[in-house]
Structure formats: structure tokens, C-alpha cells
């Protein structure tokens, strides 16, 4: 009986150790200022259009389409042309496919209209309302760990400022206070993300695998 109890305890300890090992982050990556800026920009692409947390392989076509349309609207205005109803602009679905593959490494299964977001889809085009936002959100990388196999774990701070804010998104609070004491960005979210590094035609980039909220 004593042997069985001892064996049972050893199994429990081994199981606990395996869980602890699985939760232990990989080797911390010492980022250069240039790498920090690149990752800040990468993650800001998601925070500036308010991407919600998602688990691996659990982000829907609808969320991918919304992200791609809003991302292009903010960063690739030239891809849009006037079209559709009054105050609407349109963008080719091929640009949506391209953006989703670039940031998520995924293909959209079904192109579709999204009534709740006021997005219409017809004949290879997406139509959305020509409008501007009321706040300015961006992200800064807090840490990055290399888990091996081109998989990384990142922690990210999400900041929010007024819509007219035009400060340096890569700076810190002291710089922001000196530049504009009445409109200093505030941390609104802390996120954790899994990244995969992919290389195509000699160029490397990250894709977002999952995105979870640590705290608000």
C-alpha cells in the first residue's frame, strides 16, 4: 500500500512538473530599438481597429473581414474608391484576402456581408461607410519570448488617446506629458499573443496565432 501511495505521489508530481514546464516561457528576446518599433507597429494594427481576443484557429471569417476592411481604411486609403450607397466606399475582395493572409496566415472561407457592421459584399467588392473614429489606440511590445520552432510569445500594452493625438507612439509617458500634458495616452489593455515567424521570398514577418487579454 505504501508503495502504491508513493507511486501515486510521484505521478502527481510528474504531472505538475510537466504543466509547469509547458507554462514556462521560452528564452527572452532582447529587442533592438528597431525591432521594438517594428513590433509596436505590428500590434498597433490590431489595437487601432479594436480586434477582440481570440484563441488559436477560433477567429471567424467575419472578424477577419472586419479587421481587413478597417485596417485598409486606416492604412491603405488608396485601395478604396467611391461606390455603393451615399457615404459609402468600396474595396476589392482580393485586397481583403491579401491582408488576412499577411497578418493571420489564413484564407477566408466565405466572402459575405456583415449587417451588424454595415459592411456589404457584392460581386467581388466590399462596401463600407466613409467615416472616422473618435479615439486613437496603439500598442507597445512589453516582452517577447522565443519558444522555438519559429513560435514566440509576446506581452503587449494597449494605449488609448484622443482622436486628434499626434504624438510618438514609440515614446514613453514622460515624453508624452512634455509634448501634450492634457492628452497623455493611457494603458487600457494588457494582451498576450502567440506569434509565428514565417519567411517568404527571403523576407520574414510575423503572423498572429492567438490574442488573449491579460488584464484591463
Protein backbone atom coordinates (compact mmCIF):
# COMPACT_ATOMS: atom_id res chain seq x y z
CA UNK A 1 0.00 0.00 0.00
CA UNK A 2 2.84 2.36 0.90
CA UNK A 3 4.47 1.68 -2.49
CA UNK A 4 1.23 2.46 -4.31
CA UNK A 5 0.82 5.73 -2.42
CA UNK A 6 4.40 6.68 -3.20
CA UNK A 7 3.92 5.86 -6.89
CA UNK A 8 0.75 7.92 -6.94
CA UNK A 9 2.50 10.92 -5.41
CA UNK A 10 5.32 10.62 -7.94
CA UNK A 11 2.82 10.58 -10.81
CA UNK A 12 1.12 13.70 -9.46
CA UNK A 13 4.45 15.49 -9.07
CA UNK A 14 5.49 14.50 -12.58
CA UNK A 15 2.19 15.76 -13.99
CA UNK A 16 2.52 19.05 -12.10
CA UNK A 17 6.09 19.43 -13.33
CA UNK A 18 5.01 18.87 -16.94
CA UNK A 19 2.34 21.58 -16.61
CA UNK A 20 4.85 23.99 -15.08
CA UNK A 21 7.30 23.26 -17.88
CA UNK A 22 4.62 23.84 -20.53
CA UNK A 23 3.74 27.20 -18.98
CA UNK A 24 7.36 28.33 -18.70
CA UNK A 25 8.13 30.90 -21.39
CA UNK A 26 11.00 30.31 -23.77
CA UNK A 27 14.13 32.37 -23.99
CA UNK A 28 13.57 36.12 -23.70
CA UNK A 29 14.43 38.01 -26.86
CA UNK A 30 16.49 41.15 -26.34
CA UNK A 31 14.92 43.51 -28.84
CA UNK A 32 16.79 46.31 -30.55
CA UNK A 33 15.08 49.73 -30.79
CA UNK A 34 14.33 48.99 -34.45
CA UNK A 35 12.76 45.61 -33.61
CA UNK A 36 10.66 47.20 -30.86
CA UNK A 37 9.32 49.77 -33.30
CA UNK A 38 8.50 47.07 -35.84
CA UNK A 39 6.61 45.02 -33.24
CA UNK A 40 4.87 48.12 -31.89
CA UNK A 41 3.63 48.81 -35.40
CA UNK A 42 2.64 45.17 -35.92
CA UNK A 43 0.50 45.04 -32.79
CA UNK A 44 -0.91 48.53 -33.32
CA UNK A 45 -2.51 47.19 -36.49
CA UNK A 46 -4.80 45.14 -34.24
CA UNK A 47 -5.42 47.58 -31.39
CA UNK A 48 -6.20 50.54 -33.65
CA UNK A 49 -9.20 48.66 -35.09
CA UNK A 50 -10.19 47.07 -31.77
CA UNK A 51 -9.56 43.39 -32.55
CA UNK A 52 -11.14 41.27 -29.81
CA UNK A 53 -9.28 38.37 -28.12
CA UNK A 54 -9.37 35.02 -29.90
CA UNK A 55 -7.94 31.52 -29.42
CA UNK A 56 -5.87 29.64 -31.98
CA UNK A 57 -7.97 28.69 -35.02
CA UNK A 58 -11.04 30.30 -33.42
CA UNK A 59 -11.23 33.61 -35.27
CA UNK A 60 -14.18 33.72 -37.67
CA UNK A 61 -14.36 34.85 -41.29
CA UNK A 62 -16.49 37.77 -40.11
CA UNK A 63 -13.82 39.02 -37.73
CA UNK A 64 -11.10 38.56 -40.35
CA UNK A 65 -13.12 40.52 -42.91
CA UNK A 66 -13.84 43.32 -40.41
CA UNK A 67 -10.18 43.57 -39.46
CA UNK A 68 -9.04 43.70 -43.08
CA UNK A 69 -11.55 46.36 -44.11
CA UNK A 70 -10.85 48.60 -41.11
CA UNK A 71 -7.08 48.09 -41.36
CA UNK A 72 -7.04 49.05 -45.02
CA UNK A 73 -9.33 52.01 -44.40
CA UNK A 74 -6.85 53.40 -41.86
CA UNK A 75 -3.61 52.46 -43.62
CA UNK A 76 -4.30 51.95 -47.33
CA UNK A 77 -6.88 54.58 -48.23
CA UNK A 78 -5.84 54.47 -51.89
CA UNK A 79 -7.32 50.97 -52.15
CA UNK A 80 -10.81 52.42 -51.69
CA UNK A 81 -12.94 54.16 -54.29
CA UNK A 82 -16.32 55.81 -54.11
CA UNK A 83 -19.18 53.42 -54.75
CA UNK A 84 -22.42 51.97 -53.46
CA UNK A 85 -24.85 53.98 -51.35
CA UNK A 86 -24.34 57.58 -50.28
CA UNK A 87 -21.28 57.99 -48.00
CA UNK A 88 -20.03 54.52 -48.92
CA UNK A 89 -16.65 53.49 -50.29
CA UNK A 90 -15.66 50.14 -51.77
CA UNK A 91 -12.60 47.90 -51.81
CA UNK A 92 -11.80 44.78 -53.85
CA UNK A 93 -12.20 41.45 -52.03
CA UNK A 94 -8.74 40.47 -53.30
CA UNK A 95 -7.23 43.13 -51.02
CA UNK A 96 -9.15 41.62 -48.10
CA UNK A 97 -7.71 38.19 -48.91
CA UNK A 98 -4.22 39.62 -49.16
CA UNK A 99 -4.43 41.41 -45.81
CA UNK A 100 -5.85 38.40 -43.94
CA UNK A 101 -3.06 36.19 -45.28
CA UNK A 102 -0.42 38.79 -44.36
CA UNK A 103 -1.46 39.21 -40.72
CA UNK A 104 -3.07 35.86 -39.86
CA UNK A 105 -1.72 33.38 -42.40
CA UNK A 106 -5.29 32.34 -43.19
CA UNK A 107 -7.70 32.23 -46.12
CA UNK A 108 -11.26 33.48 -45.91
CA UNK A 109 -13.66 30.59 -46.38
CA UNK A 110 -16.66 32.68 -47.46
CA UNK A 111 -16.88 36.32 -48.50
CA UNK A 112 -20.08 37.83 -47.10
CA UNK A 113 -21.95 40.93 -45.96
CA UNK A 114 -21.85 41.79 -42.25
CA UNK A 115 -25.07 43.57 -41.33
CA UNK A 116 -24.06 44.42 -37.75
CA UNK A 117 -21.00 46.31 -39.04
CA UNK A 118 -22.70 47.95 -42.00
CA UNK A 119 -20.48 46.04 -44.43
CA UNK A 120 -21.95 44.93 -47.76
CA UNK A 121 -20.43 42.38 -50.13
CA UNK A 122 -21.35 42.13 -53.81
CA UNK A 123 -19.61 40.89 -56.97
CA UNK A 124 -16.11 40.80 -55.51
CA UNK A 125 -16.35 44.17 -53.72
CA UNK A 126 -16.83 45.20 -50.10
CA UNK A 127 -18.75 48.39 -49.31
CA UNK A 128 -18.46 50.28 -46.04
CA UNK A 129 -19.35 53.72 -44.65
CA UNK A 130 -16.83 56.52 -45.13
CA UNK A 131 -16.29 57.66 -41.50
CA UNK A 132 -13.61 58.46 -38.91
CA UNK A 133 -13.06 57.22 -35.36
CA UNK A 134 -13.30 59.05 -32.03
CA UNK A 135 -10.18 57.73 -30.30
CA UNK A 136 -6.64 56.73 -31.17
CA UNK A 137 -5.40 53.34 -29.97
CA UNK A 138 -1.92 51.87 -30.39
CA UNK A 139 0.29 49.18 -28.85
CA UNK A 140 3.78 48.78 -27.45
CA UNK A 141 5.61 45.49 -27.01
CA UNK A 142 6.44 44.73 -23.36
CA UNK A 143 8.26 41.41 -23.79
CA UNK A 144 8.97 38.71 -26.37
CA UNK A 145 9.97 35.09 -25.73
CA UNK A 146 11.29 32.61 -28.29
CA UNK A 147 9.61 29.23 -27.75
CA UNK A 148 11.47 27.51 -30.58
CA UNK A 149 10.18 26.35 -33.94
CA UNK A 150 9.56 29.96 -35.04
CA UNK A 151 6.88 30.37 -32.33
CA UNK A 152 7.00 33.38 -30.00
CA UNK A 153 5.03 34.63 -27.01
CA UNK A 154 4.54 38.38 -26.65
CA UNK A 155 3.03 40.61 -23.99
CA UNK A 156 1.70 43.94 -25.18
CA UNK A 157 0.40 47.16 -23.64
CA UNK A 158 -2.50 48.83 -25.45
CA UNK A 159 -2.81 52.61 -25.14
CA UNK A 160 -5.65 54.98 -25.92
CA UNK A 161 -5.55 58.73 -26.66
CA UNK A 162 -7.87 61.32 -28.16
CA UNK A 163 -8.65 61.16 -31.88
CA UNK A 164 -6.56 64.27 -32.57
CA UNK A 165 -3.49 62.99 -30.74
CA UNK A 166 -0.39 63.12 -32.93
CA UNK A 167 2.40 62.09 -30.59
CA UNK A 168 5.13 59.49 -30.97
CA UNK A 169 3.59 56.04 -30.49
CA UNK A 170 7.04 54.61 -29.70
CA UNK A 171 7.81 57.09 -26.90
CA UNK A 172 7.06 56.85 -23.17
CA UNK A 173 4.80 58.68 -20.71
CA UNK A 174 7.40 61.31 -19.81
CA UNK A 175 7.79 62.31 -23.45
CA UNK A 176 4.02 62.40 -23.95
CA UNK A 177 3.50 64.60 -20.88
CA UNK A 178 6.04 67.14 -22.11
CA UNK A 179 4.56 67.20 -25.60
CA UNK A 180 0.87 67.32 -24.65
CA UNK A 181 0.12 67.30 -20.89
CA UNK A 182 -3.64 67.47 -21.47
CA UNK A 183 -3.78 64.38 -23.67
CA UNK A 184 -1.46 61.66 -22.41
CA UNK A 185 -2.17 58.13 -23.70
CA UNK A 186 -3.38 55.72 -21.02
CA UNK A 187 -3.00 51.94 -20.86
CA UNK A 188 -6.41 50.39 -21.48
CA UNK A 189 -5.46 46.73 -22.05
CA UNK A 190 -2.66 44.26 -21.44
CA UNK A 191 -2.58 41.50 -24.04
CA UNK A 192 -0.72 38.24 -24.54
CA UNK A 193 -0.19 36.85 -28.02
CA UNK A 194 1.34 33.90 -29.82
CA UNK A 195 3.25 34.76 -32.99
CA UNK A 196 4.61 32.60 -35.76
CA UNK A 197 7.55 33.80 -37.80
CA UNK A 198 7.24 32.98 -41.49
CA UNK A 199 9.69 33.56 -44.31
CA UNK A 200 8.65 34.07 -47.92
CA UNK A 201 10.92 35.05 -50.82
CA UNK A 202 13.73 35.75 -48.38
CA UNK A 203 11.66 38.12 -46.22
CA UNK A 204 10.41 37.33 -42.72
CA UNK A 205 7.30 38.54 -40.96
CA UNK A 206 5.08 37.59 -38.03
CA UNK A 207 1.52 36.30 -38.15
CA UNK A 208 -0.87 36.43 -35.21
CA UNK A 209 -1.84 32.96 -33.94
CA UNK A 210 -3.84 33.89 -30.85
CA UNK A 211 -4.60 37.02 -28.87
CA UNK A 212 -5.76 36.96 -25.24
CA UNK A 213 -6.47 39.62 -22.62
CA UNK A 214 -4.29 39.56 -19.52
CA UNK A 215 -6.00 42.48 -17.78
CA UNK A 216 -7.81 45.74 -18.44
